[in-house]
């Protein structure tokens, strides 16, 4: 027994030493480099603590309606009580298929309060994708927006879903705003009542005992959220995240001088995305900020939203800031903007300087801060310091996160500025992939010394001060308008079309979206290319892929170019489109 304890102690000492030495280069850029004591709280409990400190601060604003933290918690409790009455229990999984609305956020925390898991999916997912997500998570309940209800009903019978909770964009609007919304949008979707469906407005009436409702006692390391990312194996992967993952991210972001209590954030990034849910929702709510919820954002609305709400913080992807740069603001004052954060893709130094100049010309003292993250690390793990920037850098590791660059395929650490695989360790690293132990074991590895490292599949390097530089992805992935698009998934869909023999998808440059997918298609012997076949393939893609994954171009080929060793010559195809 003593020997076992000594082994554990030696491993502990080694891990502490390794952490301390690794942190030294970049921790000088943090004003507070003390050890972080992460509380053993659930996601809901952390937000409830904020509400106790700032009960009369506004938690969110939605189409002009503002709700305080005190009332926000009441809404969460009432929804949680109602869900319990509906039949949701601790350990269940509840799918949330919603845009950024109060109902979606309230339900997210209510599900957590019960001790259930929230499985977050894109409301614009194809019906086949929705079916996959529901089966993969084994969800018994789903909250969805009325506009996608018909699509959901086509597949729900093939799943374990017992109840569909139907919400509307107008839920939690003021009466006047609701009438005006329907008048101007013209969107009406009548839903017939049936045994599987219940309207959210009826659901919350069930929570009559919400005042006495107590949160289910769960631990910080318990499963809390499932987010989905495209898979290199041809199917999406469910990423299982804990209470600790989300809470640690919020605490780390708070230490990075993004904002303070009473500030506001324009929440336009979708909640089914780690960056959107973790950085743009949970973090500001932990800080005590006001979250301005935008359910149907488009770049053309950007200028109007800034004028209307005067946010102090905005988070987005590079294409969003391109839209900002092109927005005709005239002499519009942007002095209210204190912090601007970019993630999801790399900003070129020239474009960063253009945005910084644009902000300065409109009265803002903020400079755009570039970051890096992945869903497997809850959305963010690296960020440029407030007062320091280096060209092409994605920043320094966030507080209590460890970064190392390892030589590809090894556990040997690279020298400074030597390219290798970016690996991350820390409290925001996922629990693992849903129902896929083998894939989990490929990316989460225990290194000598006992530290657990997430192998990101991204190539980069680090300088002597701890600034990290992203170079390219080991995984074959396209980033289009901040969305991760996986060619192998598109290829697997197109190959299901009867006339198709083979298909290769690559990313090609696009003036606004940075990259879009292009499909090279080889038809079966005896079948000639035609517009009719192209239309058939296109229609099949639209039925089975999310909109952001649809190929932008389709090209028929007699054959696919290959290397001397018989592998597909992706670089040759990419060169053709870059010439």
Protein backbone atom coordinates (compact mmCIF):
# COMPACT_ATOMS: atom_id res chain seq x y z
CA UNK A 1 0.00 0.00 0.00
CA UNK A 2 2.85 2.36 0.93
CA UNK A 3 4.55 1.66 -2.37
CA UNK A 4 1.33 2.51 -4.22
CA UNK A 5 0.98 5.80 -2.33
CA UNK A 6 4.60 6.72 -3.08
CA UNK A 7 4.07 6.05 -6.79
CA UNK A 8 0.98 8.27 -6.80
CA UNK A 9 2.81 11.00 -4.89
CA UNK A 10 5.76 10.94 -7.29
CA UNK A 11 3.40 11.21 -10.23
CA UNK A 12 1.66 14.13 -8.54
CA UNK A 13 4.95 15.95 -7.89
CA UNK A 14 6.03 15.34 -11.49
CA UNK A 15 2.76 16.70 -12.87
CA UNK A 16 2.91 19.80 -10.65
CA UNK A 17 6.52 20.46 -11.69
CA UNK A 18 5.65 20.01 -15.33
CA UNK A 19 2.68 22.37 -15.04
CA UNK A 20 4.66 25.07 -13.25
CA UNK A 21 7.55 24.99 -15.69
CA UNK A 22 5.20 25.03 -18.66
CA UNK A 23 3.26 27.99 -17.36
CA UNK A 24 6.25 30.24 -16.77
CA UNK A 25 6.68 31.66 -20.31
CA UNK A 26 3.17 33.05 -20.67
CA UNK A 27 1.98 33.65 -17.13
CA UNK A 28 3.85 36.95 -16.94
CA UNK A 29 1.15 38.38 -19.21
CA UNK A 30 -1.56 37.76 -16.63
CA UNK A 31 -2.10 40.31 -13.87
CA UNK A 32 -3.20 37.55 -11.51
CA UNK A 33 -1.17 34.37 -11.85
CA UNK A 34 -2.35 32.73 -8.66
CA UNK A 35 -3.60 29.16 -8.63
CA UNK A 36 -7.27 28.90 -9.57
CA UNK A 37 -9.50 26.99 -7.17
CA UNK A 38 -12.34 25.73 -9.33
CA UNK A 39 -15.54 25.24 -7.32
CA UNK A 40 -17.31 21.89 -7.22
CA UNK A 41 -20.48 23.32 -8.72
CA UNK A 42 -22.80 22.54 -11.59
CA UNK A 43 -23.33 24.94 -14.48
CA UNK A 44 -26.62 26.09 -12.94
CA UNK A 45 -25.14 26.49 -9.45
CA UNK A 46 -22.39 28.78 -10.78
CA UNK A 47 -24.94 31.08 -12.44
CA UNK A 48 -27.11 31.00 -9.32
CA UNK A 49 -24.10 32.30 -7.33
CA UNK A 50 -23.87 35.22 -9.76
CA UNK A 51 -27.58 35.92 -9.30
CA UNK A 52 -27.06 36.10 -5.54
CA UNK A 53 -24.39 38.77 -6.05
CA UNK A 54 -26.22 40.76 -8.76
CA UNK A 55 -29.96 40.04 -8.40
CA UNK A 56 -31.03 43.30 -10.04
CA UNK A 57 -28.49 43.32 -12.86
CA UNK A 58 -29.97 42.40 -16.21
CA UNK A 59 -29.21 38.80 -17.25
CA UNK A 60 -30.49 39.10 -20.80
CA UNK A 61 -32.30 41.32 -23.26
CA UNK A 62 -34.52 39.99 -26.03
CA UNK A 63 -36.19 42.28 -28.55
CA UNK A 64 -36.13 45.07 -26.00
CA UNK A 65 -37.41 42.99 -23.06
CA UNK A 66 -34.91 42.93 -20.18
CA UNK A 67 -34.89 40.29 -17.45
CA UNK A 68 -32.95 40.54 -14.18
CA UNK A 69 -30.81 37.75 -12.74
CA UNK A 70 -33.36 37.25 -9.97
CA UNK A 71 -36.18 36.73 -12.47
CA UNK A 72 -33.89 34.66 -14.71
CA UNK A 73 -33.33 32.18 -11.87
CA UNK A 74 -37.09 32.07 -11.18
CA UNK A 75 -37.72 31.21 -14.84
CA UNK A 76 -35.08 28.47 -14.69
CA UNK A 77 -36.58 26.98 -11.52
CA UNK A 78 -40.08 27.04 -12.96
CA UNK A 79 -38.95 25.37 -16.19
CA UNK A 80 -36.94 22.78 -14.23
CA UNK A 81 -39.96 21.98 -12.05
CA UNK A 82 -42.10 21.68 -15.18
CA UNK A 83 -39.62 19.37 -16.88
CA UNK A 84 -39.62 17.15 -13.81
CA UNK A 85 -43.43 17.03 -13.90
CA UNK A 86 -43.20 16.15 -17.60
CA UNK A 87 -41.05 13.14 -16.77
CA UNK A 88 -37.45 14.33 -17.21
CA UNK A 89 -35.17 12.80 -14.58
CA UNK A 90 -31.55 12.95 -13.47
CA UNK A 91 -29.30 11.28 -16.05
CA UNK A 92 -31.74 11.79 -18.96
CA UNK A 93 -30.61 13.52 -22.12
CA UNK A 94 -32.66 16.38 -23.49
CA UNK A 95 -31.99 17.65 -27.01
CA UNK A 96 -32.20 21.43 -27.51
CA UNK A 97 -32.70 22.28 -31.18
CA UNK A 98 -33.06 26.06 -30.94
CA UNK A 99 -31.69 29.43 -32.05
CA UNK A 100 -30.53 32.01 -29.47
CA UNK A 101 -33.76 32.65 -27.57
CA UNK A 102 -34.55 33.05 -23.85
CA UNK A 103 -36.46 29.75 -23.87
CA UNK A 104 -33.38 27.94 -25.17
CA UNK A 105 -31.09 29.44 -22.52
CA UNK A 106 -33.59 29.00 -19.68
CA UNK A 107 -34.17 25.37 -20.65
CA UNK A 108 -30.43 24.74 -20.95
CA UNK A 109 -29.90 25.71 -17.31
CA UNK A 110 -33.14 24.04 -16.21
CA UNK A 111 -32.00 20.73 -17.70
CA UNK A 112 -28.74 21.09 -15.79
CA UNK A 113 -30.60 21.92 -12.57
CA UNK A 114 -32.46 18.61 -12.82
CA UNK A 115 -29.21 16.71 -13.32
CA UNK A 116 -29.94 15.84 -16.95
CA UNK A 117 -27.71 16.42 -19.98
CA UNK A 118 -28.38 19.03 -22.68
CA UNK A 119 -27.62 17.80 -26.20
CA UNK A 120 -27.29 20.90 -28.39
CA UNK A 121 -28.01 20.65 -32.14
CA UNK A 122 -28.40 23.01 -35.07
CA UNK A 123 -32.06 23.85 -35.89
CA UNK A 124 -31.14 23.93 -39.59
CA UNK A 125 -29.79 20.38 -39.51
CA UNK A 126 -31.20 18.04 -42.14
CA UNK A 127 -33.85 15.57 -41.01
CA UNK A 128 -31.37 12.70 -41.36
CA UNK A 129 -28.85 14.54 -39.18
CA UNK A 130 -31.52 15.22 -36.56
CA UNK A 131 -32.42 11.53 -36.54
CA UNK A 132 -28.75 10.64 -36.03
CA UNK A 133 -28.31 13.13 -33.17
CA UNK A 134 -31.44 11.91 -31.37
CA UNK A 135 -30.41 8.27 -31.68
CA UNK A 136 -26.78 8.95 -30.73
CA UNK A 137 -27.76 10.79 -27.53
CA UNK A 138 -30.74 8.52 -26.83
CA UNK A 139 -32.77 11.63 -26.05
CA UNK A 140 -36.24 11.10 -24.60
CA UNK A 141 -37.18 14.78 -24.87
CA UNK A 142 -36.49 17.53 -27.37
CA UNK A 143 -37.07 21.28 -27.27
CA UNK A 144 -37.41 22.69 -30.75
CA UNK A 145 -38.50 25.78 -32.61
CA UNK A 146 -41.88 25.64 -34.35
CA UNK A 147 -40.33 26.45 -37.72
CA UNK A 148 -38.60 23.04 -37.89
CA UNK A 149 -41.36 21.02 -36.23
CA UNK A 150 -42.58 19.40 -39.47
CA UNK A 151 -39.07 18.21 -40.32
CA UNK A 152 -38.68 16.78 -36.84
CA UNK A 153 -41.98 14.89 -37.01
CA UNK A 154 -40.74 12.99 -40.07
CA UNK A 155 -38.03 11.26 -38.04
CA UNK A 156 -39.08 11.35 -34.40
CA UNK A 157 -40.95 8.05 -34.71
CA UNK A 158 -37.65 6.30 -35.46
CA UNK A 159 -36.10 7.52 -32.20
CA UNK A 160 -36.63 7.14 -28.44
CA UNK A 161 -38.17 10.63 -28.12
CA UNK A 162 -41.26 10.57 -25.91
CA UNK A 163 -42.13 14.27 -25.90
CA UNK A 164 -41.50 17.26 -28.16
CA UNK A 165 -41.54 20.66 -26.49
CA UNK A 166 -42.42 23.27 -29.11
CA UNK A 167 -41.33 26.86 -28.70
CA UNK A 168 -41.54 29.96 -30.87
CA UNK A 169 -39.23 32.88 -31.49
CA UNK A 170 -41.96 35.05 -29.96
CA UNK A 171 -41.95 33.21 -26.61
CA UNK A 172 -40.75 35.57 -23.87
CA UNK A 173 -41.36 38.63 -26.07
CA UNK A 174 -43.57 41.44 -24.90
CA UNK A 175 -47.13 41.33 -26.32
CA UNK A 176 -46.60 44.32 -28.61
CA UNK A 177 -43.28 42.98 -29.93
CA UNK A 178 -44.89 39.61 -30.54
CA UNK A 179 -47.67 41.07 -32.66
CA UNK A 180 -45.24 43.25 -34.59
CA UNK A 181 -42.88 40.33 -35.19
CA UNK A 182 -45.57 38.17 -36.77
CA UNK A 183 -46.91 41.12 -38.75
CA UNK A 184 -43.58 41.95 -40.35
CA UNK A 185 -42.13 38.44 -40.65
CA UNK A 186 -45.26 36.86 -42.02
CA UNK A 187 -44.08 33.51 -40.68
CA UNK A 188 -46.82 31.40 -39.21
CA UNK A 189 -46.50 27.70 -38.57
CA UNK A 190 -49.69 26.12 -37.27
CA UNK A 191 -49.02 22.98 -35.26
CA UNK A 192 -51.75 20.53 -34.48
CA UNK A 193 -51.78 19.26 -30.91
CA UNK A 194 -50.93 15.59 -30.51
CA UNK A 195 -49.82 13.18 -27.78
CA UNK A 196 -46.12 13.73 -28.49
CA UNK A 197 -46.12 17.53 -28.62
CA UNK A 198 -46.48 20.10 -25.87
CA UNK A 199 -46.09 23.85 -26.26
CA UNK A 200 -43.55 25.54 -24.02
CA UNK A 201 -46.22 27.99 -22.88
CA UNK A 202 -48.24 25.02 -21.59
CA UNK A 203 -45.19 23.26 -20.17
CA UNK A 204 -44.25 26.04 -17.73
CA UNK A 205 -47.75 25.98 -16.27
CA UNK A 206 -46.90 22.54 -14.88
CA UNK A 207 -44.20 23.93 -12.59
CA UNK A 208 -46.48 24.96 -9.74
CA UNK A 209 -43.98 23.91 -7.06
CA UNK A 210 -41.01 25.77 -8.51
CA UNK A 211 -40.59 28.04 -5.46
CA UNK A 212 -39.62 25.02 -3.36
CA UNK A 213 -37.70 23.28 -6.13
CA UNK A 214 -34.13 22.33 -5.25
CA UNK A 215 -31.32 21.63 -7.67
CA UNK A 216 -30.24 18.03 -8.09
CA UNK A 217 -26.88 17.50 -6.35
CA UNK A 218 -24.37 16.72 -9.06
CA UNK A 219 -20.59 17.01 -9.11
CA UNK A 220 -18.50 19.31 -11.25
CA UNK A 221 -17.03 16.40 -13.20
CA UNK A 222 -20.43 14.91 -14.11
CA UNK A 223 -21.65 14.92 -17.70
CA UNK A 224 -23.55 18.13 -18.51
CA UNK A 225 -23.54 18.98 -22.22
CA UNK A 226 -23.15 17.25 -25.57
CA UNK A 227 -21.99 19.31 -28.55
CA UNK A 228 -21.48 17.92 -32.03
CA UNK A 229 -18.58 18.30 -34.39
CA UNK A 230 -18.16 16.93 -37.87
CA UNK A 231 -16.17 13.72 -37.92
CA UNK A 232 -13.20 12.73 -40.03
CA UNK A 233 -14.67 9.22 -40.16
CA UNK A 234 -17.71 10.35 -42.13
CA UNK A 235 -20.18 10.96 -39.33
CA UNK A 236 -20.57 13.70 -36.69
CA UNK A 237 -19.05 13.11 -33.26
CA UNK A 238 -20.77 13.88 -29.99
CA UNK A 239 -18.41 15.70 -27.63
CA UNK A 240 -19.26 15.08 -23.98
CA UNK A 241 -18.50 18.03 -21.69
CA UNK A 242 -18.79 18.32 -17.91
CA UNK A 243 -19.93 21.01 -15.54
CA UNK A 244 -16.26 21.63 -14.77
CA UNK A 245 -15.46 22.13 -18.46
CA UNK A 246 -17.95 24.99 -18.83
CA UNK A 247 -17.33 26.55 -15.42
CA UNK A 248 -13.55 26.47 -15.87
CA UNK A 249 -13.89 28.19 -19.25
CA UNK A 250 -16.04 30.94 -17.73
CA UNK A 251 -13.61 31.51 -14.87
CA UNK A 252 -10.62 31.55 -17.24
CA UNK A 253 -12.29 34.03 -19.59
CA UNK A 254 -13.08 36.28 -16.64
CA UNK A 255 -9.36 36.38 -15.80
CA UNK A 256 -8.55 37.52 -19.35
CA UNK A 257 -10.06 41.00 -18.89
CA UNK A 258 -12.87 40.54 -21.39
CA UNK A 259 -15.52 42.41 -19.43
CA UNK A 260 -16.95 43.07 -15.98
CA UNK A 261 -20.31 42.84 -14.23
CA UNK A 262 -22.85 45.23 -15.75
CA UNK A 263 -21.29 45.10 -19.21
CA UNK A 264 -23.20 43.66 -22.17
CA UNK A 265 -22.44 41.21 -24.98
CA UNK A 266 -24.08 40.89 -28.39
CA UNK A 267 -24.72 37.15 -28.47
CA UNK A 268 -24.89 36.28 -32.16
CA UNK A 269 -22.86 33.06 -32.20
CA UNK A 270 -25.18 30.00 -32.14
CA UNK A 271 -25.67 28.09 -28.89
CA UNK A 272 -25.07 24.68 -30.49
CA UNK A 273 -21.43 25.79 -30.96
CA UNK A 274 -18.83 25.70 -28.16
CA UNK A 275 -17.70 29.26 -28.83
CA UNK A 276 -21.29 30.50 -28.80
CA UNK A 277 -22.52 28.57 -25.75
CA UNK A 278 -19.37 28.65 -23.65
CA UNK A 279 -17.82 32.06 -24.40
CA UNK A 280 -20.86 34.08 -25.48
CA UNK A 281 -23.52 32.76 -23.05
CA UNK A 282 -22.17 30.96 -19.98
CA UNK A 283 -19.12 33.20 -19.49
CA UNK A 284 -20.98 36.55 -19.51
CA UNK A 285 -23.71 35.13 -17.28
CA UNK A 286 -21.04 34.01 -14.81
CA UNK A 287 -19.46 37.49 -14.88
CA UNK A 288 -22.80 39.22 -14.29
CA UNK A 289 -23.18 40.74 -17.75
CA UNK A 290 -26.28 41.33 -19.84
CA UNK A 291 -26.57 38.91 -22.77
CA UNK A 292 -28.29 40.43 -25.80
CA UNK A 293 -29.90 37.46 -27.55
CA UNK A 294 -30.13 37.54 -31.35
CA UNK A 295 -32.01 34.52 -32.82
CA UNK A 296 -31.63 35.26 -36.53
CA UNK A 297 -28.43 37.20 -37.07
CA UNK A 298 -27.24 38.19 -40.53
CA UNK A 299 -24.24 40.41 -41.43
CA UNK A 300 -26.50 43.08 -42.96
CA UNK A 301 -28.12 43.58 -39.53
CA UNK A 302 -24.79 44.10 -37.78
CA UNK A 303 -24.67 47.87 -37.94
CA UNK A 304 -28.26 48.22 -36.76
CA UNK A 305 -27.70 45.90 -33.80
CA UNK A 306 -24.64 47.86 -32.68
CA UNK A 307 -26.61 51.09 -32.90
CA UNK A 308 -29.62 49.70 -31.06
CA UNK A 309 -27.94 47.86 -28.17
CA UNK A 310 -24.51 49.53 -27.68
CA UNK A 311 -22.79 46.31 -26.49
CA UNK A 312 -19.46 46.52 -24.66
CA UNK A 313 -18.28 43.13 -25.94
CA UNK A 314 -18.71 41.27 -29.22
CA UNK A 315 -17.41 37.82 -30.12
CA UNK A 316 -17.37 36.41 -33.61
CA UNK A 317 -15.57 34.75 -36.49
CA UNK A 318 -13.46 36.59 -39.11
CA UNK A 319 -16.31 36.73 -41.64
CA UNK A 320 -18.38 38.63 -39.09
CA UNK A 321 -15.70 41.29 -38.79
CA UNK A 322 -15.42 41.52 -42.54
CA UNK A 323 -19.10 42.40 -42.50
CA UNK A 324 -18.44 44.98 -39.78
CA UNK A 325 -15.63 46.48 -41.82
CA UNK A 326 -17.92 46.81 -44.84
CA UNK A 327 -20.78 48.26 -42.81
CA UNK A 328 -21.50 51.89 -43.58
CA UNK A 329 -21.61 53.36 -40.11
CA UNK A 330 -20.89 56.92 -41.14
CA UNK A 331 -19.88 58.82 -38.01
CA UNK A 332 -21.42 56.18 -35.76
CA UNK A 333 -19.73 56.22 -32.35
CA UNK A 334 -18.41 52.80 -31.22
CA UNK A 335 -16.83 54.01 -27.98
CA UNK A 336 -19.14 51.59 -26.11
CA UNK A 337 -17.11 48.67 -27.52
CA UNK A 338 -14.49 47.76 -24.91
CA UNK A 339 -13.49 44.32 -26.17
CA UNK A 340 -13.68 42.52 -29.53
CA UNK A 341 -12.77 38.81 -29.74
CA UNK A 342 -12.27 36.72 -32.88
CA UNK A 343 -12.14 32.93 -33.04
CA UNK A 344 -13.13 30.06 -35.33
CA UNK A 345 -10.44 30.89 -37.91
CA UNK A 346 -7.19 32.82 -38.26
CA UNK A 347 -7.07 36.58 -38.81
CA UNK A 348 -4.32 37.81 -41.10
CA UNK A 349 -2.13 40.56 -39.60
CA UNK A 350 -3.20 42.99 -42.34
CA UNK A 351 -6.88 42.40 -41.73
CA UNK A 352 -6.43 42.71 -37.97
CA UNK A 353 -4.80 46.10 -38.46
CA UNK A 354 -7.65 47.17 -40.76
CA UNK A 355 -10.25 46.24 -38.12
CA UNK A 356 -8.25 47.95 -35.37
CA UNK A 357 -8.04 51.13 -37.47
CA UNK A 358 -11.77 50.91 -38.20
CA UNK A 359 -12.58 50.62 -34.50
CA UNK A 360 -10.29 53.52 -33.61
CA UNK A 361 -11.80 55.71 -36.34
CA UNK A 362 -15.23 55.14 -34.77
CA UNK A 363 -14.16 56.00 -31.24
CA UNK A 364 -13.47 52.55 -29.77
CA UNK A 365 -10.31 51.96 -27.76
CA UNK A 366 -10.61 48.19 -28.31
CA UNK A 367 -8.33 46.17 -30.55
CA UNK A 368 -9.47 42.83 -31.87
CA UNK A 369 -8.13 39.94 -29.80
CA UNK A 370 -7.50 36.72 -31.72
CA UNK A 371 -8.03 33.37 -30.04
CA UNK A 372 -8.05 29.65 -30.66
CA UNK A 373 -10.11 26.77 -29.49
CA UNK A 374 -11.98 23.64 -30.41
CA UNK A 375 -15.15 22.02 -29.18
CA UNK A 376 -13.10 19.25 -27.54
CA UNK A 377 -11.74 22.03 -25.30
CA UNK A 378 -15.15 23.68 -24.68
CA UNK A 379 -14.63 26.28 -27.40
CA UNK A 380 -11.58 28.31 -26.30
CA UNK A 381 -8.17 27.63 -24.79
CA UNK A 382 -5.87 30.32 -26.20
CA UNK A 383 -6.22 34.11 -26.46
CA UNK A 384 -4.04 37.12 -27.21
CA UNK A 385 -3.42 39.25 -24.09
CA UNK A 386 -5.12 42.63 -23.87
CA UNK A 387 -1.95 44.69 -24.25
CA UNK A 388 0.22 42.36 -26.34
CA UNK A 389 -0.05 41.07 -29.91
CA UNK A 390 2.26 39.25 -32.28
CA UNK A 391 1.60 38.82 -35.98
CA UNK A 392 -0.06 35.51 -36.92
CA UNK A 393 -0.28 34.41 -33.28
CA UNK A 394 -3.45 32.91 -31.82
CA UNK A 395 -2.33 34.12 -28.39
CA UNK A 396 -1.16 32.51 -25.17
CA UNK A 397 -2.73 29.64 -23.22
CA UNK A 398 -5.61 30.72 -21.03
CA UNK A 399 -5.09 30.65 -17.26
CA UNK A 400 -4.44 27.13 -15.84
CA UNK A 401 -4.25 25.67 -19.36
CA UNK A 402 -1.05 23.98 -20.50
CA UNK A 403 0.11 23.92 -24.10
CA UNK A 404 2.88 21.90 -25.66
CA UNK A 405 3.97 21.31 -29.23
CA UNK A 406 4.93 17.67 -29.84
CA UNK A 407 6.64 16.20 -32.86
CA UNK A 408 3.90 14.60 -34.95
CA UNK A 409 3.20 11.02 -33.99
CA UNK A 410 5.44 11.18 -30.90
CA UNK A 411 5.50 12.43 -27.32
CA UNK A 412 8.71 14.36 -27.93
CA UNK A 413 8.41 18.08 -27.24
CA UNK A 414 9.40 20.46 -30.04
CA UNK A 415 11.90 23.26 -29.68
CA UNK A 416 10.71 26.86 -29.77
CA UNK A 417 9.32 27.79 -33.22
CA UNK A 418 9.54 24.17 -34.40
CA UNK A 419 6.34 22.96 -36.07
CA UNK A 420 4.50 20.07 -34.49
CA UNK A 421 1.08 19.04 -33.18
CA UNK A 422 -0.64 21.44 -30.78
CA UNK A 423 -1.58 19.60 -27.58
CA UNK A 424 -3.63 20.97 -24.70
CA UNK A 425 -4.09 19.97 -21.07
CA UNK A 426 -6.35 21.49 -18.46
CA UNK A 427 -9.83 21.61 -16.92
CA UNK A 428 -11.69 22.49 -20.13
CA UNK A 429 -10.64 19.31 -21.97
CA UNK A 430 -13.66 17.13 -22.79
CA UNK A 431 -14.66 13.92 -21.06
CA UNK A 432 -14.56 12.13 -24.41
CA UNK A 433 -16.51 11.32 -27.56
CA UNK A 434 -20.05 10.03 -27.12
CA UNK A 435 -20.30 6.25 -27.60
CA UNK A 436 -16.81 6.11 -29.14
CA UNK A 437 -14.05 4.97 -26.80
CA UNK A 438 -11.65 4.19 -29.64
CA UNK A 439 -11.80 7.72 -31.10
CA UNK A 440 -11.43 9.15 -27.60
CA UNK A 441 -8.28 7.11 -27.02
CA UNK A 442 -6.79 8.45 -30.23
CA UNK A 443 -6.93 12.09 -29.09
CA UNK A 444 -6.72 11.98 -25.27
CA UNK A 445 -3.41 10.45 -24.23
CA UNK A 446 -1.57 10.05 -20.92
CA UNK A 447 2.03 11.15 -21.38
CA UNK A 448 5.06 10.17 -19.30
CA UNK A 449 4.73 11.98 -15.97
CA UNK A 450 1.01 11.27 -15.78
CA UNK A 451 -0.37 14.38 -17.48
CA UNK A 452 -3.38 13.96 -19.76
CA UNK A 453 -3.09 15.73 -23.12
CA UNK A 454 -5.64 16.45 -25.83
CA UNK A 455 -4.02 15.99 -29.24
CA UNK A 456 -5.80 18.60 -31.35
CA UNK A 457 -4.79 17.41 -34.79
CA UNK A 458 -3.59 20.96 -35.55
CA UNK A 459 -0.07 21.90 -36.56
CA UNK A 460 1.59 24.92 -35.01
CA UNK A 461 4.53 26.19 -32.98
CA UNK A 462 5.28 28.23 -29.87
CA UNK A 463 7.80 31.00 -29.26
CA UNK A 464 9.94 31.47 -26.13
CA UNK A 465 7.31 33.74 -24.54
CA UNK A 466 4.55 31.18 -24.90
CA UNK A 467 2.77 32.72 -27.91
CA UNK A 468 1.23 30.00 -30.08
CA UNK A 469 1.08 30.06 -33.90
CA UNK A 470 -1.43 27.97 -35.79
CA UNK A 471 -0.23 26.66 -39.18
CA UNK A 472 -2.66 24.10 -40.59
CA UNK A 473 -4.88 21.16 -39.71
CA UNK A 474 -3.72 17.61 -39.70
CA UNK A 475 -7.35 16.65 -40.14
CA UNK A 476 -8.83 17.37 -43.49
CA UNK A 477 -11.26 20.10 -42.51
CA UNK A 478 -12.74 23.18 -44.21
CA UNK A 479 -13.56 26.30 -42.18
CA UNK A 480 -16.40 28.16 -43.91
CA UNK A 481 -17.69 31.33 -42.22
CA UNK A 482 -16.43 29.97 -38.91
CA UNK A 483 -18.17 26.58 -39.32
CA UNK A 484 -16.15 23.37 -39.40
CA UNK A 485 -17.02 21.47 -42.57
CA UNK A 486 -15.71 17.91 -42.92
CA UNK A 487 -15.08 16.75 -46.52
CA UNK A 488 -15.28 13.06 -45.60
CA UNK A 489 -18.84 13.55 -44.34
CA UNK A 490 -19.88 15.27 -47.60
CA UNK A 491 -18.14 12.57 -49.64
CA UNK A 492 -19.98 9.80 -47.79
CA UNK A 493 -23.31 11.49 -48.60
CA UNK A 494 -22.59 12.06 -52.32
CA UNK A 495 -21.35 8.47 -52.75
CA UNK A 496 -24.81 7.25 -51.75
CA UNK A 497 -26.26 8.66 -55.00
CA UNK A 498 -26.78 5.71 -57.38
CA UNK A 499 -24.92 7.25 -60.33
CA UNK A 500 -21.80 8.17 -58.33
CA UNK A 501 -18.72 5.95 -58.32
CA UNK A 502 -16.31 8.17 -56.40
CA UNK A 503 -16.15 11.63 -54.90
CA UNK A 504 -13.51 13.91 -53.40
CA UNK A 505 -14.26 17.17 -51.61
CA UNK A 506 -11.76 19.96 -50.99
CA UNK A 507 -11.90 23.50 -49.69
CA UNK A 508 -11.52 26.29 -52.24
CA UNK A 509 -11.01 30.01 -51.59
CA UNK A 510 -14.04 32.29 -51.27
CA UNK A 511 -14.00 36.08 -51.04
CA UNK A 512 -16.35 36.27 -48.05
CA UNK A 513 -16.62 32.81 -46.47
CA UNK A 514 -12.84 32.22 -46.62
CA UNK A 515 -13.42 28.67 -47.85
CA UNK A 516 -16.24 26.69 -49.39
CA UNK A 517 -16.57 23.04 -50.34
CA UNK A 518 -16.07 21.85 -53.91
CA UNK A 519 -17.00 18.31 -54.93
CA UNK A 520 -15.14 16.39 -57.64
CA UNK A 521 -17.38 13.55 -58.82
CA UNK A 522 -16.61 10.43 -60.86
CA UNK A 523 -19.69 8.72 -62.29
CA UNK A 524 -20.15 4.98 -62.76
CA UNK A 525 -19.18 3.39 -66.09
CA UNK A 526 -21.60 4.14 -68.89
CA UNK A 527 -23.14 7.17 -67.18
CA UNK A 528 -22.43 10.55 -68.76
CA UNK A 529 -22.44 13.82 -66.84
CA UNK A 530 -25.59 15.91 -67.19
CA UNK A 531 -27.38 18.79 -65.52
CA UNK A 532 -30.03 16.34 -64.39
CA UNK A 533 -27.51 14.23 -62.44
CA UNK A 534 -25.92 17.35 -60.98
CA UNK A 535 -29.34 18.56 -59.79
CA UNK A 536 -30.02 15.15 -58.27
CA UNK A 537 -26.72 15.19 -56.34
CA UNK A 538 -27.30 18.77 -55.23
CA UNK A 539 -30.82 17.97 -53.99
CA UNK A 540 -29.53 14.93 -52.08
CA UNK A 541 -26.90 17.06 -50.38
CA UNK A 542 -29.50 19.65 -49.39
CA UNK A 543 -31.67 16.91 -47.86
CA UNK A 544 -28.86 15.26 -45.88
CA UNK A 545 -26.40 18.01 -44.97
CA UNK A 546 -26.60 21.21 -42.95
CA UNK A 547 -26.76 24.29 -45.14
CA UNK A 548 -23.24 25.44 -44.28
CA UNK A 549 -21.90 22.04 -45.52
CA UNK A 550 -23.49 22.19 -48.96
CA UNK A 551 -20.86 22.09 -51.74
CA UNK A 552 -20.49 25.42 -53.46
CA UNK A 553 -19.34 23.81 -56.70
CA UNK A 554 -19.77 20.41 -58.37
CA UNK A 555 -17.36 19.20 -61.06
CA UNK A 556 -17.46 15.91 -62.93
CA UNK A 557 -14.15 14.15 -63.61
CA UNK A 558 -13.17 11.02 -65.48
CA UNK A 559 -10.82 10.15 -62.64
CA UNK A 560 -9.40 11.52 -59.40
CA UNK A 561 -5.67 12.44 -59.46
CA UNK A 562 -3.47 10.27 -57.22
CA UNK A 563 0.06 10.38 -55.84
CA UNK A 564 2.78 7.89 -56.75
CA UNK A 565 1.85 5.74 -53.78
CA UNK A 566 -1.81 5.64 -54.79
CA UNK A 567 -3.22 8.23 -52.38
CA UNK A 568 -5.62 10.97 -53.51
CA UNK A 569 -3.62 14.01 -54.59
CA UNK A 570 -5.52 16.62 -52.58
CA UNK A 571 -2.80 19.21 -53.01
CA UNK A 572 -2.98 18.89 -56.80
CA UNK A 573 -6.70 19.65 -56.73
CA UNK A 574 -6.12 22.55 -54.33
CA UNK A 575 -3.41 24.00 -56.58
CA UNK A 576 -5.82 23.94 -59.53
CA UNK A 577 -8.21 26.17 -57.61
CA UNK A 578 -5.53 28.51 -56.29
CA UNK A 579 -3.97 29.27 -59.66
